[in-house]
N, C-alpha and C. Protein backbone atom coordinates (compact mmCIF):
# COMPACT_ATOMS: atom_id res chain seq x y z
N UNK A 1 23.83 28.43 -106.59
CA UNK A 1 25.06 28.89 -107.17
C UNK A 1 25.96 27.68 -107.37
N UNK A 2 26.53 27.55 -108.55
CA UNK A 2 27.41 26.42 -108.81
C UNK A 2 28.84 26.90 -108.99
N UNK A 3 29.78 26.03 -108.60
CA UNK A 3 31.19 26.32 -108.71
C UNK A 3 31.85 25.26 -109.59
N UNK A 4 32.89 25.65 -110.27
CA UNK A 4 33.70 24.69 -111.02
C UNK A 4 35.06 24.65 -110.36
N UNK A 5 35.44 23.47 -109.87
CA UNK A 5 36.74 23.33 -109.24
C UNK A 5 37.48 22.18 -109.89
N UNK A 6 38.76 22.35 -109.98
CA UNK A 6 39.60 21.33 -110.59
C UNK A 6 39.62 20.06 -109.75
N UNK A 7 39.43 18.91 -110.39
CA UNK A 7 39.51 17.59 -109.78
C UNK A 7 38.43 17.30 -108.74
N UNK A 8 37.42 18.13 -108.65
CA UNK A 8 36.32 17.87 -107.73
C UNK A 8 35.02 18.08 -108.50
N UNK A 9 34.16 17.11 -108.46
CA UNK A 9 32.88 17.21 -109.16
C UNK A 9 31.84 17.75 -108.19
N UNK A 10 31.63 19.05 -108.22
CA UNK A 10 30.65 19.68 -107.34
C UNK A 10 29.37 19.93 -108.13
N UNK A 11 28.27 19.57 -107.56
CA UNK A 11 27.01 19.78 -108.26
C UNK A 11 26.18 20.85 -107.57
N UNK A 12 25.98 20.75 -106.28
CA UNK A 12 25.16 21.73 -105.58
C UNK A 12 25.94 22.31 -104.41
N UNK A 13 26.11 23.58 -104.47
CA UNK A 13 26.74 24.32 -103.38
C UNK A 13 25.75 25.35 -102.87
N UNK A 14 25.92 25.73 -101.64
CA UNK A 14 25.02 26.71 -101.06
C UNK A 14 25.84 27.83 -100.43
N UNK A 15 25.46 29.03 -100.77
CA UNK A 15 26.04 30.20 -100.11
C UNK A 15 24.89 31.11 -99.72
N UNK A 16 24.83 31.47 -98.45
CA UNK A 16 23.82 32.41 -97.96
C UNK A 16 24.53 33.60 -97.36
N UNK A 17 24.08 34.77 -97.73
CA UNK A 17 24.61 36.00 -97.15
C UNK A 17 23.45 36.71 -96.48
N UNK A 18 23.55 36.90 -95.17
CA UNK A 18 22.48 37.54 -94.39
C UNK A 18 23.00 38.82 -93.75
N UNK A 19 22.15 39.82 -93.73
CA UNK A 19 22.46 41.09 -93.09
C UNK A 19 21.49 41.23 -91.93
N UNK A 20 22.00 41.15 -90.70
CA UNK A 20 21.08 41.15 -89.57
C UNK A 20 20.81 42.55 -89.02
N UNK A 21 19.96 42.61 -88.00
CA UNK A 21 19.54 43.89 -87.43
C UNK A 21 20.66 44.61 -86.69
N UNK A 22 21.73 43.91 -86.37
CA UNK A 22 22.86 44.50 -85.67
C UNK A 22 23.93 44.99 -86.64
N UNK A 23 23.57 45.13 -87.93
CA UNK A 23 24.49 45.59 -88.98
C UNK A 23 25.66 44.64 -89.20
N UNK A 24 25.46 43.37 -88.94
CA UNK A 24 26.51 42.39 -89.19
C UNK A 24 26.15 41.58 -90.43
N UNK A 25 27.17 41.19 -91.15
CA UNK A 25 26.98 40.37 -92.34
C UNK A 25 27.42 38.95 -91.99
N UNK A 26 26.54 38.00 -92.24
CA UNK A 26 26.84 36.59 -91.97
C UNK A 26 26.89 35.84 -93.29
N UNK A 27 27.98 35.13 -93.51
CA UNK A 27 28.16 34.32 -94.71
C UNK A 27 28.19 32.86 -94.28
N UNK A 28 27.29 32.07 -94.85
CA UNK A 28 27.25 30.63 -94.59
C UNK A 28 27.49 29.92 -95.91
N UNK A 29 28.31 28.88 -95.89
CA UNK A 29 28.54 28.15 -97.13
C UNK A 29 28.59 26.66 -96.86
N UNK A 30 28.19 25.92 -97.87
CA UNK A 30 28.28 24.46 -97.83
C UNK A 30 28.63 23.99 -99.23
N UNK A 31 29.72 23.25 -99.34
CA UNK A 31 30.17 22.70 -100.61
C UNK A 31 29.83 21.22 -100.61
N UNK A 32 29.16 20.79 -101.67
CA UNK A 32 28.71 19.40 -101.73
C UNK A 32 29.19 18.73 -103.01
N UNK A 33 29.31 17.42 -102.94
CA UNK A 33 29.70 16.64 -104.12
C UNK A 33 28.46 16.35 -104.96
N UNK A 34 28.68 15.70 -106.11
CA UNK A 34 27.55 15.37 -106.98
C UNK A 34 26.59 14.38 -106.31
N UNK A 35 27.10 13.65 -105.33
CA UNK A 35 26.25 12.73 -104.57
C UNK A 35 25.56 13.44 -103.41
N UNK A 36 25.68 14.75 -103.37
CA UNK A 36 25.10 15.61 -102.32
C UNK A 36 25.69 15.33 -100.94
N UNK A 37 26.94 14.87 -100.93
CA UNK A 37 27.67 14.68 -99.68
C UNK A 37 28.42 15.96 -99.38
N UNK A 38 28.32 16.45 -98.16
CA UNK A 38 28.99 17.69 -97.79
C UNK A 38 30.50 17.48 -97.78
N UNK A 39 31.19 18.35 -98.52
CA UNK A 39 32.65 18.31 -98.55
C UNK A 39 33.21 19.31 -97.54
N UNK A 40 32.60 20.47 -97.49
CA UNK A 40 33.07 21.50 -96.56
C UNK A 40 31.90 22.40 -96.20
N UNK A 41 31.89 22.85 -94.94
CA UNK A 41 30.84 23.73 -94.45
C UNK A 41 31.49 24.75 -93.53
N UNK A 42 30.98 25.96 -93.55
CA UNK A 42 31.55 26.98 -92.67
C UNK A 42 30.73 28.24 -92.63
N UNK A 43 31.16 29.18 -91.82
CA UNK A 43 30.49 30.47 -91.72
C UNK A 43 31.49 31.54 -91.34
N UNK A 44 31.10 32.75 -91.60
CA UNK A 44 31.96 33.90 -91.30
C UNK A 44 31.06 35.05 -90.92
N UNK A 45 31.40 35.73 -89.85
CA UNK A 45 30.65 36.91 -89.43
C UNK A 45 31.54 38.12 -89.63
N UNK A 46 31.00 39.14 -90.26
CA UNK A 46 31.75 40.35 -90.56
C UNK A 46 30.95 41.54 -90.07
N UNK A 47 31.59 42.39 -89.29
CA UNK A 47 30.92 43.58 -88.77
C UNK A 47 31.51 44.81 -89.46
N UNK A 48 30.82 45.36 -90.47
CA UNK A 48 31.36 46.51 -91.19
C UNK A 48 31.46 47.77 -90.35
N UNK A 49 30.77 47.80 -89.21
CA UNK A 49 30.87 48.98 -88.35
C UNK A 49 32.21 49.05 -87.65
N UNK A 50 33.00 47.95 -87.69
CA UNK A 50 34.31 47.97 -87.06
C UNK A 50 35.34 48.71 -87.92
N UNK A 51 35.03 48.96 -89.18
CA UNK A 51 35.95 49.72 -90.02
C UNK A 51 35.93 51.18 -89.59
N UNK A 52 37.09 51.82 -89.57
CA UNK A 52 37.13 53.23 -89.16
C UNK A 52 36.31 54.09 -90.11
N UNK A 53 35.70 55.13 -89.56
CA UNK A 53 34.93 56.04 -90.40
C UNK A 53 35.66 57.36 -90.64
N UNK A 54 36.87 57.50 -90.06
CA UNK A 54 37.66 58.71 -90.30
C UNK A 54 39.15 58.40 -90.19
N UNK A 55 39.93 59.27 -90.77
CA UNK A 55 41.39 59.15 -90.69
C UNK A 55 41.83 59.48 -89.27
N UNK A 56 42.70 58.62 -88.71
CA UNK A 56 43.12 58.83 -87.33
C UNK A 56 44.56 58.38 -87.15
N UNK A 57 45.34 59.19 -86.47
CA UNK A 57 46.71 58.86 -86.10
C UNK A 57 46.80 58.82 -84.58
N UNK A 58 47.00 57.63 -84.04
CA UNK A 58 47.09 57.46 -82.59
C UNK A 58 48.42 58.01 -82.08
N UNK A 59 48.48 58.37 -80.79
CA UNK A 59 49.77 58.79 -80.24
C UNK A 59 50.81 57.67 -80.37
N UNK A 60 52.01 58.05 -80.76
CA UNK A 60 53.10 57.08 -80.89
C UNK A 60 53.40 56.48 -79.53
N UNK A 61 53.81 55.21 -79.56
CA UNK A 61 54.16 54.55 -78.30
C UNK A 61 55.43 53.75 -78.49
N UNK A 62 56.42 53.92 -77.68
CA UNK A 62 56.54 54.97 -76.67
C UNK A 62 56.92 56.31 -77.32
N UNK A 63 56.71 57.36 -76.60
CA UNK A 63 57.12 58.70 -77.03
C UNK A 63 57.30 59.55 -75.78
N UNK A 64 58.51 59.93 -75.44
CA UNK A 64 59.80 59.81 -76.11
C UNK A 64 60.21 58.34 -76.27
N UNK A 65 61.10 58.11 -77.25
CA UNK A 65 61.51 56.75 -77.57
C UNK A 65 63.01 56.68 -77.88
N UNK A 66 63.54 55.45 -77.84
CA UNK A 66 64.94 55.20 -78.18
C UNK A 66 65.13 53.75 -78.56
N UNK A 67 65.43 53.38 -79.73
CA UNK A 67 65.32 54.12 -80.98
C UNK A 67 64.08 53.75 -81.79
N UNK A 68 63.17 52.87 -81.21
CA UNK A 68 62.02 52.40 -81.99
C UNK A 68 60.72 52.86 -81.34
N UNK A 69 59.78 53.32 -82.18
CA UNK A 69 58.45 53.67 -81.72
C UNK A 69 57.43 53.05 -82.67
N UNK A 70 56.23 52.82 -82.16
CA UNK A 70 55.16 52.24 -82.97
C UNK A 70 54.12 53.30 -83.28
N UNK A 71 53.76 53.37 -84.55
CA UNK A 71 52.75 54.31 -85.03
C UNK A 71 51.52 53.51 -85.45
N UNK A 72 50.38 53.84 -84.87
CA UNK A 72 49.12 53.19 -85.25
C UNK A 72 48.23 54.21 -85.92
N UNK A 73 47.62 53.82 -87.03
CA UNK A 73 46.73 54.76 -87.72
C UNK A 73 45.57 54.00 -88.34
N UNK A 74 44.45 54.72 -88.51
CA UNK A 74 43.24 54.16 -89.09
C UNK A 74 43.02 54.77 -90.46
N UNK A 75 42.73 53.92 -91.42
CA UNK A 75 42.37 54.34 -92.77
C UNK A 75 40.88 54.05 -92.94
N UNK A 76 40.07 55.08 -93.24
CA UNK A 76 38.63 54.86 -93.39
C UNK A 76 38.29 54.26 -94.75
N UNK A 77 37.08 53.74 -94.84
CA UNK A 77 36.58 53.26 -96.12
C UNK A 77 36.02 54.47 -96.86
N UNK A 78 36.51 54.72 -98.05
CA UNK A 78 36.03 55.85 -98.84
C UNK A 78 35.64 55.37 -100.23
N UNK A 79 34.88 56.18 -100.92
CA UNK A 79 34.45 55.84 -102.27
C UNK A 79 35.64 55.85 -103.22
N UNK A 80 36.48 56.87 -103.10
CA UNK A 80 37.65 56.98 -103.97
C UNK A 80 38.85 56.34 -103.29
N UNK A 81 39.47 55.43 -104.00
CA UNK A 81 40.70 54.83 -103.49
C UNK A 81 41.80 55.87 -103.55
N UNK A 82 42.57 55.96 -102.51
CA UNK A 82 43.62 56.96 -102.44
C UNK A 82 44.88 56.36 -101.82
N UNK A 83 46.01 56.94 -102.16
CA UNK A 83 47.28 56.48 -101.61
C UNK A 83 47.43 56.96 -100.17
N UNK A 84 48.16 56.18 -99.39
CA UNK A 84 48.48 56.52 -98.01
C UNK A 84 49.95 56.90 -97.97
N UNK A 85 50.25 57.99 -97.29
CA UNK A 85 51.63 58.42 -97.09
C UNK A 85 51.84 58.58 -95.59
N UNK A 86 52.90 57.99 -95.08
CA UNK A 86 53.29 58.16 -93.69
C UNK A 86 54.77 58.50 -93.71
N UNK A 87 55.07 59.77 -93.44
CA UNK A 87 56.43 60.27 -93.56
C UNK A 87 56.91 60.89 -92.25
N UNK A 88 58.23 60.87 -92.08
CA UNK A 88 58.88 61.48 -90.92
C UNK A 88 59.62 62.72 -91.38
N UNK A 89 59.45 63.81 -90.61
CA UNK A 89 60.09 65.09 -90.91
C UNK A 89 60.95 65.53 -89.73
N UNK A 90 62.03 66.22 -90.02
CA UNK A 90 62.86 66.77 -88.94
C UNK A 90 62.31 68.12 -88.51
N UNK A 91 62.95 68.75 -87.55
CA UNK A 91 62.48 70.01 -86.98
C UNK A 91 62.45 71.15 -88.01
N UNK A 92 63.25 71.01 -89.06
CA UNK A 92 63.28 72.04 -90.12
C UNK A 92 62.26 71.78 -91.22
N UNK A 93 61.49 70.71 -91.08
CA UNK A 93 60.45 70.42 -92.07
C UNK A 93 60.92 69.58 -93.24
N UNK A 94 62.13 69.07 -93.18
CA UNK A 94 62.65 68.21 -94.25
C UNK A 94 62.20 66.78 -94.03
N UNK A 95 61.71 66.13 -95.08
CA UNK A 95 61.34 64.73 -94.96
C UNK A 95 62.62 63.91 -94.83
N UNK A 96 62.69 63.10 -93.76
CA UNK A 96 63.89 62.30 -93.52
C UNK A 96 63.66 60.81 -93.77
N UNK A 97 62.38 60.38 -93.78
CA UNK A 97 62.11 58.97 -94.05
C UNK A 97 60.66 58.79 -94.49
N UNK A 98 60.49 57.92 -95.52
CA UNK A 98 59.16 57.49 -95.97
C UNK A 98 58.89 56.14 -95.33
N UNK A 99 57.85 56.06 -94.53
CA UNK A 99 57.50 54.79 -93.89
C UNK A 99 56.45 54.03 -94.71
N UNK A 100 55.50 54.76 -95.30
CA UNK A 100 54.45 54.14 -96.10
C UNK A 100 54.20 55.03 -97.31
N UNK A 101 54.08 54.39 -98.47
CA UNK A 101 53.68 55.10 -99.69
C UNK A 101 52.99 54.09 -100.59
N UNK A 102 51.67 54.17 -100.66
CA UNK A 102 50.93 53.23 -101.50
C UNK A 102 49.51 53.06 -101.01
N UNK A 103 48.77 52.19 -101.67
CA UNK A 103 47.38 51.97 -101.27
C UNK A 103 47.33 50.95 -100.14
N UNK A 104 46.34 51.12 -99.27
CA UNK A 104 46.14 50.23 -98.13
C UNK A 104 44.65 49.98 -97.98
N UNK A 105 44.32 48.83 -97.44
CA UNK A 105 42.93 48.52 -97.16
C UNK A 105 42.44 49.33 -95.98
N UNK A 106 41.14 49.62 -95.92
CA UNK A 106 40.59 50.29 -94.74
C UNK A 106 40.82 49.44 -93.50
N UNK A 107 41.05 50.11 -92.38
CA UNK A 107 41.25 49.40 -91.12
C UNK A 107 42.36 50.04 -90.31
N UNK A 108 42.75 49.38 -89.24
CA UNK A 108 43.82 49.86 -88.37
C UNK A 108 45.14 49.24 -88.80
N UNK A 109 46.18 50.05 -88.82
CA UNK A 109 47.50 49.60 -89.27
C UNK A 109 48.55 50.03 -88.26
N UNK A 110 49.63 49.26 -88.18
CA UNK A 110 50.75 49.55 -87.28
C UNK A 110 52.03 49.58 -88.10
N UNK A 111 52.87 50.58 -87.80
CA UNK A 111 54.18 50.69 -88.45
C UNK A 111 55.18 51.03 -87.36
N UNK A 112 56.31 50.34 -87.37
CA UNK A 112 57.39 50.67 -86.43
C UNK A 112 58.39 51.56 -87.14
N UNK A 113 58.84 52.60 -86.44
CA UNK A 113 59.90 53.45 -86.97
C UNK A 113 61.14 53.21 -86.14
N UNK A 114 62.18 52.71 -86.80
CA UNK A 114 63.47 52.50 -86.17
C UNK A 114 64.35 53.69 -86.53
N UNK A 115 64.63 54.52 -85.55
CA UNK A 115 65.35 55.77 -85.77
C UNK A 115 66.81 55.69 -85.32
N UNK A 116 67.40 54.50 -85.33
CA UNK A 116 68.77 54.36 -84.83
C UNK A 116 69.77 55.16 -85.65
N UNK A 117 69.46 55.45 -86.91
CA UNK A 117 70.39 56.21 -87.75
C UNK A 117 70.23 57.73 -87.60
N UNK A 118 69.27 58.16 -86.77
CA UNK A 118 69.02 59.58 -86.59
C UNK A 118 69.51 60.06 -85.23
N UNK A 119 69.82 61.33 -85.16
CA UNK A 119 70.27 61.90 -83.89
C UNK A 119 69.08 62.26 -83.01
N UNK A 120 69.36 62.42 -81.72
CA UNK A 120 68.32 62.83 -80.78
C UNK A 120 67.70 64.13 -81.23
N UNK A 121 66.41 64.28 -80.95
CA UNK A 121 65.76 65.53 -81.30
C UNK A 121 64.27 65.35 -81.51
N UNK A 122 63.66 66.41 -82.03
CA UNK A 122 62.22 66.44 -82.28
C UNK A 122 61.99 66.13 -83.75
N UNK A 123 61.05 65.22 -83.99
CA UNK A 123 60.65 64.83 -85.33
C UNK A 123 59.13 64.90 -85.41
N UNK A 124 58.61 64.88 -86.60
CA UNK A 124 57.17 64.89 -86.80
C UNK A 124 56.79 63.76 -87.75
N UNK A 125 55.70 63.10 -87.43
CA UNK A 125 55.15 62.09 -88.33
C UNK A 125 53.90 62.70 -88.95
N UNK A 126 53.75 62.51 -90.26
CA UNK A 126 52.59 63.05 -90.98
C UNK A 126 51.93 61.93 -91.77
N UNK A 127 50.64 61.72 -91.51
CA UNK A 127 49.82 60.74 -92.21
C UNK A 127 48.94 61.49 -93.19
N UNK A 128 48.97 61.10 -94.47
CA UNK A 128 48.16 61.76 -95.49
C UNK A 128 47.36 60.70 -96.23
N UNK A 129 46.05 60.99 -96.42
CA UNK A 129 45.16 60.09 -97.14
C UNK A 129 43.95 60.88 -97.61
N UNK A 130 43.60 60.74 -98.88
CA UNK A 130 42.36 61.31 -99.43
C UNK A 130 42.23 62.81 -99.11
N UNK A 131 43.26 63.58 -99.40
CA UNK A 131 43.29 65.03 -99.17
C UNK A 131 43.13 65.43 -97.70
N UNK A 132 43.43 64.52 -96.79
CA UNK A 132 43.41 64.81 -95.36
C UNK A 132 44.77 64.46 -94.79
N UNK A 133 45.14 65.11 -93.70
CA UNK A 133 46.40 64.74 -93.06
C UNK A 133 46.28 64.90 -91.55
N UNK A 134 47.09 64.12 -90.86
CA UNK A 134 47.21 64.18 -89.40
C UNK A 134 48.70 64.12 -89.09
N UNK A 135 49.11 64.86 -88.06
CA UNK A 135 50.52 64.84 -87.70
C UNK A 135 50.68 64.90 -86.19
N UNK A 136 51.86 64.53 -85.74
CA UNK A 136 52.17 64.60 -84.31
C UNK A 136 53.68 64.68 -84.11
N UNK A 137 54.04 65.15 -82.95
CA UNK A 137 55.45 65.32 -82.59
C UNK A 137 55.98 64.04 -81.98
N UNK A 138 57.21 63.69 -82.38
CA UNK A 138 57.93 62.55 -81.82
C UNK A 138 59.23 63.05 -81.21
N UNK A 139 59.62 62.48 -80.09
CA UNK A 139 60.88 62.88 -79.45
C UNK A 139 61.78 61.67 -79.35
N UNK A 140 62.91 61.77 -80.04
CA UNK A 140 63.92 60.71 -80.02
C UNK A 140 64.98 61.08 -79.00
N UNK A 141 65.14 60.25 -77.97
CA UNK A 141 66.16 60.48 -76.92
C UNK A 141 67.13 59.32 -76.94
N UNK A 142 68.40 59.65 -77.13
CA UNK A 142 69.43 58.60 -77.14
C UNK A 142 70.34 58.78 -75.95
């Protein structure tokens, strides 16, 4: 495989991608000059099994909280790309804050909710992705 880079005359580069028996992907690369002198060499190991396989909303921490809590959630890898919504609702079911609205990469994500502008009470967080949703109760104590 050859690369064209500005201001560097590269002639032979090597990239190897290996998939081992442990379901890990190993990427090895070596960039060489036209004189076959190594300019850069490296490797990267990627374990695709570490990506979440389902939508998950972890318990908020701390909960009860005053005034900040951390929300952790997992976005799975799916065939269809879908928007992620993470919203806060009051006890009457009214949305009071949008924390996330948009596309996100698969993996684990953290969002802090600062509720200093809200009064004490019960709130709900709802995570929606790919026609699935998860929710949980939050208690704000001031």
